[in-house]
Amino acid sequence: MISGRIISTEKETVDFATVYLKGTSYGGTTNQEGLYHIKAPAGDYTLVVSAVGYTKVEKKVKLVNDERMKLNITIAPETQQLDEVTIVSTGVSRVKRSAFNLSLIQRQMCIRDRGRFGHAVDAGRF
């Protein structure tokens, strides 16, 4: 059995992270305190931890019969810089056969008009 706690590099609990032994059906999710427990037979495995907004972590582990292993893992937030944002609206459409409306907004426009972003989209400026 292997158990432990998943925390972020900011020392915050990572709840509902996915924790599993790669290539097997053994795994689960962390609880609200970031704790996980996996019961699996003895063997060599790769423990995988993933959560939305965090980088995936893989650690080699060796499980031994009748021994409990405790492994706490720290994961880092995943940062991405976006070049552009696409806004999709599925609201009421005046055009027949239109499933959705689409607007493309460049990153520079978002930065420049940060305070007026919602008004600019509503006015159809973008």
N, C-alpha and C. Protein backbone atom coordinates (compact mmCIF):
# COMPACT_ATOMS: atom_id res chain seq x y z
N MET A 1 0.84 -1.18 0.00
CA MET A 1 0.00 0.00 0.00
C MET A 1 0.88 1.24 0.00
N ILE A 2 0.48 2.22 -0.78
CA ILE A 2 1.21 3.50 -0.83
C ILE A 2 0.21 4.62 -0.55
N SER A 3 0.66 5.59 0.23
CA SER A 3 -0.18 6.73 0.56
C SER A 3 0.69 7.95 0.75
N GLY A 4 0.05 9.10 0.81
CA GLY A 4 0.78 10.34 1.01
C GLY A 4 -0.09 11.54 0.76
N ARG A 5 0.55 12.69 0.67
CA ARG A 5 -0.15 13.96 0.47
C ARG A 5 0.45 14.65 -0.75
N ILE A 6 -0.43 15.27 -1.53
CA ILE A 6 -0.02 16.05 -2.70
C ILE A 6 -0.18 17.53 -2.35
N ILE A 7 0.92 18.29 -2.45
CA ILE A 7 0.87 19.72 -2.19
C ILE A 7 1.53 20.47 -3.35
N SER A 8 1.21 21.74 -3.46
CA SER A 8 1.81 22.57 -4.51
C SER A 8 3.10 23.19 -4.00
N THR A 9 3.86 23.78 -4.90
CA THR A 9 5.10 24.44 -4.51
C THR A 9 4.82 25.65 -3.62
N GLU A 10 3.57 26.13 -3.60
CA GLU A 10 3.17 27.22 -2.72
C GLU A 10 2.70 26.70 -1.37
N LYS A 11 2.92 25.40 -1.11
CA LYS A 11 2.54 24.74 0.15
C LYS A 11 1.03 24.68 0.35
N GLU A 12 0.28 24.65 -0.75
CA GLU A 12 -1.18 24.52 -0.69
C GLU A 12 -1.58 23.09 -1.02
N THR A 13 -2.63 22.61 -0.38
CA THR A 13 -3.16 21.28 -0.63
C THR A 13 -3.72 21.21 -2.05
N VAL A 14 -3.42 20.12 -2.76
CA VAL A 14 -3.98 19.92 -4.10
C VAL A 14 -5.06 18.83 -3.97
N ASP A 15 -6.30 19.28 -3.90
CA ASP A 15 -7.40 18.33 -3.76
C ASP A 15 -7.89 17.88 -5.14
N PHE A 16 -8.41 16.69 -5.18
CA PHE A 16 -8.96 16.07 -6.39
C PHE A 16 -7.93 15.89 -7.51
N ALA A 17 -6.67 15.71 -7.13
CA ALA A 17 -5.63 15.36 -8.11
C ALA A 17 -5.76 13.88 -8.43
N THR A 18 -5.40 13.48 -9.62
CA THR A 18 -5.42 12.07 -10.02
C THR A 18 -4.07 11.45 -9.69
N VAL A 19 -4.11 10.33 -8.97
CA VAL A 19 -2.89 9.61 -8.59
C VAL A 19 -3.09 8.15 -9.00
N TYR A 20 -2.15 7.61 -9.81
CA TYR A 20 -2.30 6.23 -10.25
C TYR A 20 -0.95 5.60 -10.53
N LEU A 21 -0.95 4.27 -10.59
CA LEU A 21 0.25 3.52 -10.95
C LEU A 21 0.19 3.27 -12.45
N LYS A 22 1.14 3.84 -13.17
CA LYS A 22 1.16 3.81 -14.63
C LYS A 22 1.11 2.37 -15.16
N GLY A 23 0.27 2.17 -16.17
CA GLY A 23 0.15 0.86 -16.80
C GLY A 23 -0.73 -0.13 -16.04
N THR A 24 -1.39 0.35 -14.98
CA THR A 24 -2.27 -0.52 -14.19
C THR A 24 -3.64 0.15 -14.03
N SER A 25 -4.53 -0.53 -13.35
CA SER A 25 -5.83 0.06 -13.02
C SER A 25 -5.87 0.53 -11.58
N TYR A 26 -4.73 0.56 -10.90
CA TYR A 26 -4.67 1.00 -9.51
C TYR A 26 -4.50 2.51 -9.45
N GLY A 27 -5.38 3.17 -8.70
CA GLY A 27 -5.28 4.62 -8.56
C GLY A 27 -6.53 5.21 -7.99
N GLY A 28 -6.57 6.53 -8.01
CA GLY A 28 -7.72 7.26 -7.48
C GLY A 28 -7.45 8.75 -7.49
N THR A 29 -8.18 9.47 -6.63
CA THR A 29 -8.00 10.91 -6.52
C THR A 29 -7.71 11.29 -5.08
N THR A 30 -7.10 12.44 -4.91
CA THR A 30 -6.84 12.93 -3.56
C THR A 30 -8.13 13.49 -2.97
N ASN A 31 -8.20 13.48 -1.65
CA ASN A 31 -9.37 14.05 -0.99
C ASN A 31 -9.16 15.55 -0.78
N GLN A 32 -10.01 16.18 0.01
CA GLN A 32 -9.93 17.63 0.20
C GLN A 32 -8.68 18.06 0.94
N GLU A 33 -8.03 17.14 1.64
CA GLU A 33 -6.77 17.46 2.32
C GLU A 33 -5.56 17.09 1.47
N GLY A 34 -5.79 16.63 0.23
CA GLY A 34 -4.69 16.26 -0.65
C GLY A 34 -4.13 14.88 -0.37
N LEU A 35 -4.83 14.06 0.41
CA LEU A 35 -4.35 12.72 0.76
C LEU A 35 -4.81 11.69 -0.26
N TYR A 36 -3.95 10.71 -0.51
CA TYR A 36 -4.30 9.60 -1.41
C TYR A 36 -3.86 8.28 -0.77
N HIS A 37 -4.52 7.20 -1.17
CA HIS A 37 -4.19 5.83 -0.72
C HIS A 37 -4.40 4.91 -1.90
N ILE A 38 -3.38 4.11 -2.21
CA ILE A 38 -3.50 3.13 -3.30
C ILE A 38 -3.05 1.78 -2.76
N LYS A 39 -3.91 0.78 -2.91
CA LYS A 39 -3.57 -0.58 -2.51
C LYS A 39 -3.29 -1.37 -3.78
N ALA A 40 -2.06 -1.89 -3.88
CA ALA A 40 -1.64 -2.64 -5.07
C ALA A 40 -0.68 -3.75 -4.65
N PRO A 41 -0.54 -4.79 -5.48
CA PRO A 41 0.40 -5.86 -5.16
C PRO A 41 1.85 -5.39 -5.22
N ALA A 42 2.73 -6.14 -4.63
CA ALA A 42 4.17 -5.81 -4.63
C ALA A 42 4.68 -5.72 -6.07
N GLY A 43 5.64 -4.82 -6.27
CA GLY A 43 6.23 -4.67 -7.60
C GLY A 43 6.83 -3.31 -7.81
N ASP A 44 7.45 -3.14 -8.97
CA ASP A 44 8.03 -1.86 -9.35
C ASP A 44 7.03 -1.11 -10.23
N TYR A 45 6.76 0.12 -9.88
CA TYR A 45 5.76 0.92 -10.59
C TYR A 45 6.28 2.34 -10.81
N THR A 46 5.53 3.07 -11.62
CA THR A 46 5.71 4.51 -11.76
C THR A 46 4.44 5.16 -11.25
N LEU A 47 4.56 5.95 -10.20
CA LEU A 47 3.42 6.68 -9.64
C LEU A 47 3.28 7.98 -10.42
N VAL A 48 2.07 8.24 -10.93
CA VAL A 48 1.80 9.43 -11.73
C VAL A 48 0.80 10.30 -10.98
N VAL A 49 1.12 11.59 -10.88
CA VAL A 49 0.24 12.57 -10.24
C VAL A 49 -0.06 13.66 -11.25
N SER A 50 -1.35 13.92 -11.47
CA SER A 50 -1.73 15.00 -12.38
C SER A 50 -2.94 15.73 -11.81
N ALA A 51 -3.00 17.01 -12.09
CA ALA A 51 -4.12 17.85 -11.65
C ALA A 51 -4.25 19.01 -12.63
N VAL A 52 -5.46 19.48 -12.80
CA VAL A 52 -5.71 20.59 -13.70
C VAL A 52 -4.95 21.82 -13.19
N GLY A 53 -4.17 22.43 -14.08
CA GLY A 53 -3.41 23.62 -13.73
C GLY A 53 -2.03 23.34 -13.16
N TYR A 54 -1.63 22.05 -13.10
CA TYR A 54 -0.33 21.66 -12.55
C TYR A 54 0.41 20.77 -13.54
N THR A 55 1.72 20.76 -13.45
CA THR A 55 2.51 19.87 -14.30
C THR A 55 2.41 18.45 -13.77
N LYS A 56 2.43 17.49 -14.66
CA LYS A 56 2.36 16.07 -14.29
C LYS A 56 3.69 15.64 -13.69
N VAL A 57 3.62 14.82 -12.63
CA VAL A 57 4.81 14.31 -11.96
C VAL A 57 4.79 12.79 -12.02
N GLU A 58 5.94 12.18 -12.32
CA GLU A 58 6.08 10.73 -12.33
C GLU A 58 7.24 10.35 -11.42
N LYS A 59 7.01 9.40 -10.51
CA LYS A 59 8.04 8.94 -9.58
C LYS A 59 8.09 7.41 -9.60
N LYS A 60 9.30 6.86 -9.64
CA LYS A 60 9.48 5.40 -9.55
C LYS A 60 9.26 4.98 -8.11
N VAL A 61 8.49 3.91 -7.91
CA VAL A 61 8.24 3.37 -6.57
C VAL A 61 8.37 1.86 -6.59
N LYS A 62 8.76 1.31 -5.46
CA LYS A 62 8.84 -0.14 -5.31
C LYS A 62 7.98 -0.52 -4.12
N LEU A 63 6.92 -1.28 -4.38
CA LEU A 63 6.03 -1.73 -3.31
C LEU A 63 6.45 -3.13 -2.87
N VAL A 64 6.48 -3.32 -1.56
CA VAL A 64 6.89 -4.59 -0.97
C VAL A 64 5.69 -5.17 -0.20
N ASN A 65 5.52 -6.49 -0.27
CA ASN A 65 4.42 -7.15 0.44
C ASN A 65 4.38 -6.77 1.91
N ASP A 66 3.18 -6.53 2.42
CA ASP A 66 2.93 -6.25 3.84
C ASP A 66 3.68 -5.02 4.36
N GLU A 67 4.09 -4.12 3.51
CA GLU A 67 4.73 -2.87 3.94
C GLU A 67 3.94 -1.69 3.41
N ARG A 68 3.82 -0.68 4.26
CA ARG A 68 3.16 0.56 3.86
C ARG A 68 4.24 1.57 3.46
N MET A 69 4.02 2.20 2.34
CA MET A 69 4.96 3.22 1.87
C MET A 69 4.28 4.58 1.90
N LYS A 70 4.97 5.57 2.46
CA LYS A 70 4.43 6.93 2.48
C LYS A 70 5.27 7.78 1.54
N LEU A 71 4.60 8.45 0.60
CA LEU A 71 5.29 9.28 -0.37
C LEU A 71 4.50 10.57 -0.59
N ASN A 72 5.03 11.67 -0.05
CA ASN A 72 4.44 12.99 -0.28
C ASN A 72 5.07 13.58 -1.54
N ILE A 73 4.25 14.22 -2.36
CA ILE A 73 4.73 14.74 -3.63
C ILE A 73 4.33 16.20 -3.76
N THR A 74 5.28 17.02 -4.25
CA THR A 74 5.03 18.44 -4.50
C THR A 74 4.95 18.63 -6.01
N ILE A 75 3.88 19.30 -6.45
CA ILE A 75 3.72 19.57 -7.87
C ILE A 75 3.69 21.08 -8.09
N ALA A 76 4.17 21.50 -9.26
CA ALA A 76 4.28 22.92 -9.58
C ALA A 76 3.13 23.36 -10.47
N PRO A 77 2.67 24.59 -10.29
CA PRO A 77 1.64 25.12 -11.18
C PRO A 77 2.16 25.17 -12.62
N GLU A 78 1.27 24.91 -13.54
CA GLU A 78 1.63 24.95 -14.96
C GLU A 78 1.32 26.34 -15.48
N THR A 79 2.32 26.98 -16.03
CA THR A 79 2.11 28.33 -16.55
C THR A 79 2.23 28.31 -18.06
N GLN A 80 1.29 28.96 -18.69
CA GLN A 80 1.30 29.09 -20.14
C GLN A 80 0.96 30.52 -20.50
N GLN A 81 1.65 31.07 -21.47
CA GLN A 81 1.32 32.40 -21.96
C GLN A 81 0.53 32.22 -23.24
N LEU A 82 -0.62 32.85 -23.27
CA LEU A 82 -1.50 32.73 -24.42
C LEU A 82 -1.22 33.85 -25.42
N ASP A 83 -1.20 33.52 -26.71
CA ASP A 83 -1.01 34.52 -27.75
C ASP A 83 -2.34 35.14 -28.15
N GLU A 84 -3.42 34.37 -28.06
CA GLU A 84 -4.73 34.90 -28.40
C GLU A 84 -5.80 34.12 -27.64
N VAL A 85 -6.96 34.74 -27.52
CA VAL A 85 -8.08 34.14 -26.81
C VAL A 85 -9.25 34.06 -27.77
N THR A 86 -9.96 32.95 -27.78
CA THR A 86 -11.14 32.80 -28.61
C THR A 86 -12.36 32.73 -27.70
N ILE A 87 -13.34 33.58 -27.95
CA ILE A 87 -14.56 33.60 -27.15
C ILE A 87 -15.67 33.01 -28.00
N VAL A 88 -16.36 32.02 -27.45
CA VAL A 88 -17.43 31.35 -28.16
C VAL A 88 -18.72 31.60 -27.40
N SER A 89 -19.77 32.00 -28.11
CA SER A 89 -21.06 32.26 -27.49
C SER A 89 -22.09 31.32 -28.10
N THR A 90 -22.82 30.63 -27.25
CA THR A 90 -23.87 29.74 -27.74
C THR A 90 -25.24 30.34 -27.44
N GLY A 91 -25.28 31.66 -27.32
CA GLY A 91 -26.53 32.36 -27.02
C GLY A 91 -27.44 32.41 -28.23
N VAL A 92 -28.44 33.27 -28.18
CA VAL A 92 -29.42 33.41 -29.24
C VAL A 92 -28.73 33.96 -30.49
N SER A 93 -28.99 33.33 -31.61
CA SER A 93 -28.38 33.74 -32.87
C SER A 93 -29.46 34.18 -33.84
N ARG A 94 -29.21 35.28 -34.53
CA ARG A 94 -30.17 35.81 -35.51
C ARG A 94 -29.93 35.20 -36.90
N VAL A 95 -28.83 34.49 -37.08
CA VAL A 95 -28.49 33.92 -38.37
C VAL A 95 -28.93 32.46 -38.39
N LYS A 96 -29.68 32.06 -39.42
CA LYS A 96 -30.10 30.68 -39.52
C LYS A 96 -28.90 29.78 -39.79
N ARG A 97 -28.97 28.56 -39.32
CA ARG A 97 -27.95 27.54 -39.49
C ARG A 97 -26.62 27.90 -38.80
N SER A 98 -26.65 28.82 -37.86
CA SER A 98 -25.45 29.18 -37.12
C SER A 98 -25.48 28.48 -35.77
N ALA A 99 -24.54 27.58 -35.55
CA ALA A 99 -24.49 26.83 -34.29
C ALA A 99 -23.91 27.69 -33.17
N PHE A 100 -23.01 28.59 -33.50
CA PHE A 100 -22.39 29.45 -32.49
C PHE A 100 -21.77 30.66 -33.16
N ASN A 101 -21.50 31.66 -32.36
CA ASN A 101 -20.81 32.87 -32.84
C ASN A 101 -19.39 32.81 -32.32
N LEU A 102 -18.45 33.32 -33.09
CA LEU A 102 -17.04 33.22 -32.73
C LEU A 102 -16.38 34.58 -32.94
N SER A 103 -15.59 34.99 -31.93
CA SER A 103 -14.81 36.22 -32.04
C SER A 103 -13.37 35.89 -31.73
N LEU A 104 -12.44 36.42 -32.47
CA LEU A 104 -11.02 36.22 -32.24
C LEU A 104 -10.46 37.52 -31.68
N ILE A 105 -9.81 37.43 -30.53
CA ILE A 105 -9.28 38.61 -29.86
C ILE A 105 -7.79 38.45 -29.70
N GLN A 106 -7.03 39.41 -30.15
CA GLN A 106 -5.58 39.34 -30.02
C GLN A 106 -5.18 39.73 -28.60
N ARG A 107 -4.10 39.14 -28.13
CA ARG A 107 -3.62 39.35 -26.77
C ARG A 107 -3.34 40.83 -26.51
N GLN A 108 -2.77 41.54 -27.47
CA GLN A 108 -2.45 42.94 -27.29
C GLN A 108 -3.72 43.77 -27.03
N MET A 109 -4.81 43.43 -27.70
CA MET A 109 -6.07 44.15 -27.50
C MET A 109 -6.59 43.91 -26.08
N CYS A 110 -6.43 42.69 -25.57
CA CYS A 110 -6.88 42.38 -24.21
C CYS A 110 -6.10 43.20 -23.20
N ILE A 111 -4.80 43.31 -23.39
CA ILE A 111 -3.95 44.06 -22.46
C ILE A 111 -4.29 45.55 -22.53
N ARG A 112 -4.42 46.07 -23.74
CA ARG A 112 -4.68 47.50 -23.94
C ARG A 112 -6.04 47.90 -23.36
N ASP A 113 -7.06 47.09 -23.58
CA ASP A 113 -8.42 47.43 -23.18
C ASP A 113 -8.88 46.61 -21.98
N ARG A 114 -7.98 46.31 -21.06
CA ARG A 114 -8.28 45.44 -19.93
C ARG A 114 -9.53 45.87 -19.17
N GLY A 115 -9.66 47.13 -18.85
CA GLY A 115 -10.80 47.60 -18.06
C GLY A 115 -12.10 47.60 -18.82
N ARG A 116 -12.04 47.72 -20.14
CA ARG A 116 -13.25 47.83 -20.95
C ARG A 116 -13.49 46.57 -21.78
N PHE A 117 -12.89 45.46 -21.40
CA PHE A 117 -12.95 44.24 -22.20
C PHE A 117 -14.38 43.78 -22.49
N GLY A 118 -15.19 43.66 -21.45
CA GLY A 118 -16.57 43.20 -21.62
C GLY A 118 -17.39 44.13 -22.49
N HIS A 119 -17.22 45.44 -22.30
CA HIS A 119 -17.96 46.41 -23.11
C HIS A 119 -17.52 46.35 -24.57
N ALA A 120 -16.23 46.14 -24.79
CA ALA A 120 -15.73 46.07 -26.16
C ALA A 120 -16.27 44.86 -26.89
N VAL A 121 -16.38 43.72 -26.19
CA VAL A 121 -16.92 42.51 -26.81
C VAL A 121 -18.39 42.71 -27.12
N ASP A 122 -19.16 43.27 -26.15
CA ASP A 122 -20.59 43.50 -26.35
C ASP A 122 -20.85 44.44 -27.53
N ALA A 123 -19.97 45.42 -27.71
CA ALA A 123 -20.17 46.39 -28.77
C ALA A 123 -19.72 45.85 -30.13
N GLY A 124 -19.12 44.68 -30.16
CA GLY A 124 -18.68 44.08 -31.40
C GLY A 124 -17.41 44.71 -31.96
N ARG A 125 -16.65 45.39 -31.09
CA ARG A 125 -15.43 46.06 -31.54
C ARG A 125 -14.37 45.07 -31.94
N PHE A 126 -14.34 43.88 -31.34
CA PHE A 126 -13.30 42.91 -31.65
C PHE A 126 -13.78 42.04 -32.76
